[in-house]
Amino acid sequence: MNNKINLSLILLALVFLSAGCVSSLPKSQLQFGVEAAQYGLWDEAIFRWKKVLQFEPDSAAAHNNLAVAYEKKGEFEKAEKEYQKALQLNPKNEQIQANYRRFQNNLDQDRKKEEKNEKK
């Protein structure tokens, strides 16, 4: 009987510990992605931020970070979609707003360059 109680307590402790690990997983994956991005490892960063979204689909930070990564990789349609989702989730976030404005300005400049080159 005593062994059953000890086993039950151990299992209960493991459940609480694993629940704590699961809840911290998105945060650690978000940070891992940031560190990968700092080294220019965009595919790894994207992988990590997508993992965050599996657990927290409404993470504006993960959507914003994905948008930046897609932008860096030249995947502008995906970047646009992620920026819009991030802004939808957190419309008052100044960092997301600034990133999206910069993205739009860069796109506008690229389009103007393309138009200028086509006229030549």
Protein backbone atom coordinates (compact mmCIF):
# COMPACT_ATOMS: atom_id res chain seq x y z
CA MET A 1 0.00 0.00 0.00
CA ASN A 2 2.82 2.37 0.95
CA ASN A 3 4.55 1.70 -2.39
CA LYS A 4 1.34 2.55 -4.26
CA ILE A 5 1.11 5.89 -2.45
CA ASN A 6 4.78 6.66 -3.18
CA LEU A 7 4.31 5.73 -6.83
CA SER A 8 1.20 7.89 -7.04
CA LEU A 9 3.05 10.84 -5.53
CA ILE A 10 5.94 10.39 -7.95
CA LEU A 11 3.57 10.23 -10.93
CA LEU A 12 1.73 13.30 -9.69
CA ALA A 13 5.01 15.18 -9.31
CA LEU A 14 6.01 14.17 -12.85
CA VAL A 15 2.72 15.46 -14.21
CA PHE A 16 3.27 18.84 -12.54
CA LEU A 17 6.87 19.00 -13.69
CA SER A 18 6.04 18.11 -17.27
CA ALA A 19 3.19 20.63 -17.28
CA GLY A 20 5.68 23.27 -16.22
CA CYS A 21 8.06 22.23 -18.98
CA VAL A 22 5.32 22.37 -21.58
CA SER A 23 4.28 25.86 -20.53
CA SER A 24 7.86 27.10 -20.73
CA LEU A 25 8.46 25.41 -24.09
CA PRO A 26 7.08 28.26 -26.22
CA LYS A 27 9.15 30.82 -24.37
CA SER A 28 12.35 28.80 -24.76
CA GLN A 29 11.60 28.13 -28.43
CA LEU A 30 10.93 31.83 -28.99
CA GLN A 31 14.31 32.69 -27.48
CA PHE A 32 16.07 29.88 -29.36
CA GLY A 33 14.67 31.32 -32.59
CA VAL A 34 15.93 34.80 -31.69
CA GLU A 35 19.41 33.42 -31.06
CA ALA A 36 19.37 31.49 -34.35
CA ALA A 37 18.30 34.66 -36.18
CA GLN A 38 21.16 36.61 -34.62
CA TYR A 39 23.52 34.17 -36.37
CA GLY A 40 21.61 34.43 -39.64
CA LEU A 41 20.20 30.90 -39.29
CA TRP A 42 16.79 31.86 -40.66
CA ASP A 43 15.54 28.35 -41.40
CA GLU A 44 16.27 27.28 -37.81
CA ALA A 45 14.61 30.43 -36.48
CA ILE A 46 11.53 29.79 -38.59
CA PHE A 47 11.39 26.20 -37.36
CA ARG A 48 11.51 27.37 -33.72
CA TRP A 49 8.90 30.09 -34.14
CA LYS A 50 6.55 27.68 -35.87
CA LYS A 51 6.97 25.39 -32.85
CA VAL A 52 5.90 28.30 -30.62
CA LEU A 53 2.77 28.72 -32.72
CA GLN A 54 1.88 25.04 -32.27
CA PHE A 55 1.44 25.77 -28.55
CA GLU A 56 0.47 29.45 -28.72
CA PRO A 57 -1.16 30.21 -32.07
CA ASP A 58 -1.98 33.72 -30.87
CA SER A 59 1.61 34.70 -30.10
CA ALA A 60 2.04 38.08 -31.77
CA ALA A 61 5.78 37.90 -31.05
CA ALA A 62 6.16 34.60 -32.90
CA HIS A 63 4.16 35.90 -35.89
CA ASN A 64 6.23 39.09 -35.96
CA ASN A 65 9.48 37.15 -35.76
CA LEU A 66 8.34 34.81 -38.53
CA ALA A 67 7.52 37.84 -40.66
CA VAL A 68 11.02 39.24 -40.18
CA ALA A 69 12.56 35.87 -41.04
CA TYR A 70 10.46 35.46 -44.18
CA GLU A 71 11.35 38.99 -45.19
CA LYS A 72 15.06 38.22 -44.76
CA LYS A 73 14.65 35.13 -46.95
CA GLY A 74 12.83 37.12 -49.64
CA GLU A 75 9.52 35.36 -49.03
CA PHE A 76 7.52 38.58 -49.06
CA GLU A 77 4.01 37.12 -49.35
CA LYS A 78 4.58 34.98 -46.28
CA ALA A 79 6.12 37.95 -44.47
CA GLU A 80 3.10 40.12 -45.29
CA LYS A 81 0.72 37.46 -43.96
CA GLU A 82 2.67 37.08 -40.71
CA TYR A 83 2.95 40.84 -40.14
CA GLN A 84 -0.79 41.21 -40.64
CA LYS A 85 -1.50 38.39 -38.19
CA ALA A 86 0.86 39.89 -35.61
CA LEU A 87 -0.83 43.28 -35.97
CA GLN A 88 -4.26 41.69 -35.73
CA LEU A 89 -3.25 40.02 -32.46
CA ASN A 90 -1.48 43.05 -31.00
CA PRO A 91 -2.36 46.20 -32.97
CA LYS A 92 -0.81 48.61 -30.48
CA ASN A 93 2.61 46.96 -30.35
CA GLU A 94 5.04 49.63 -31.51
CA GLN A 95 7.76 47.15 -32.49
CA ILE A 96 5.42 45.21 -34.75
CA GLN A 97 4.11 48.45 -36.25
CA ALA A 98 7.66 49.68 -36.91
CA ASN A 99 8.70 46.36 -38.48
CA TYR A 100 5.66 46.38 -40.75
CA ARG A 101 6.22 50.01 -41.82
CA ARG A 102 9.86 49.20 -42.62
CA PHE A 103 8.75 46.14 -44.58
CA GLN A 104 6.25 48.18 -46.60
CA ASN A 105 8.82 50.91 -47.28
CA ASN A 106 11.35 48.34 -48.46
CA LEU A 107 8.75 46.76 -50.76
CA ASP A 108 7.83 50.16 -52.18
CA GLN A 109 11.49 50.96 -52.85
CA ASP A 110 12.03 47.59 -54.52
CA ARG A 111 8.99 48.10 -56.74
CA LYS A 112 10.20 51.54 -57.76
CA LYS A 113 13.62 50.14 -58.65
CA GLU A 114 12.00 47.38 -60.71
CA GLU A 115 9.83 49.91 -62.55
CA LYS A 116 12.86 52.09 -63.23
CA ASN A 117 14.83 49.09 -64.56
CA GLU A 118 11.91 48.04 -66.78
CA LYS A 119 11.82 51.49 -68.37
CA LYS A 120 15.47 51.27 -69.41
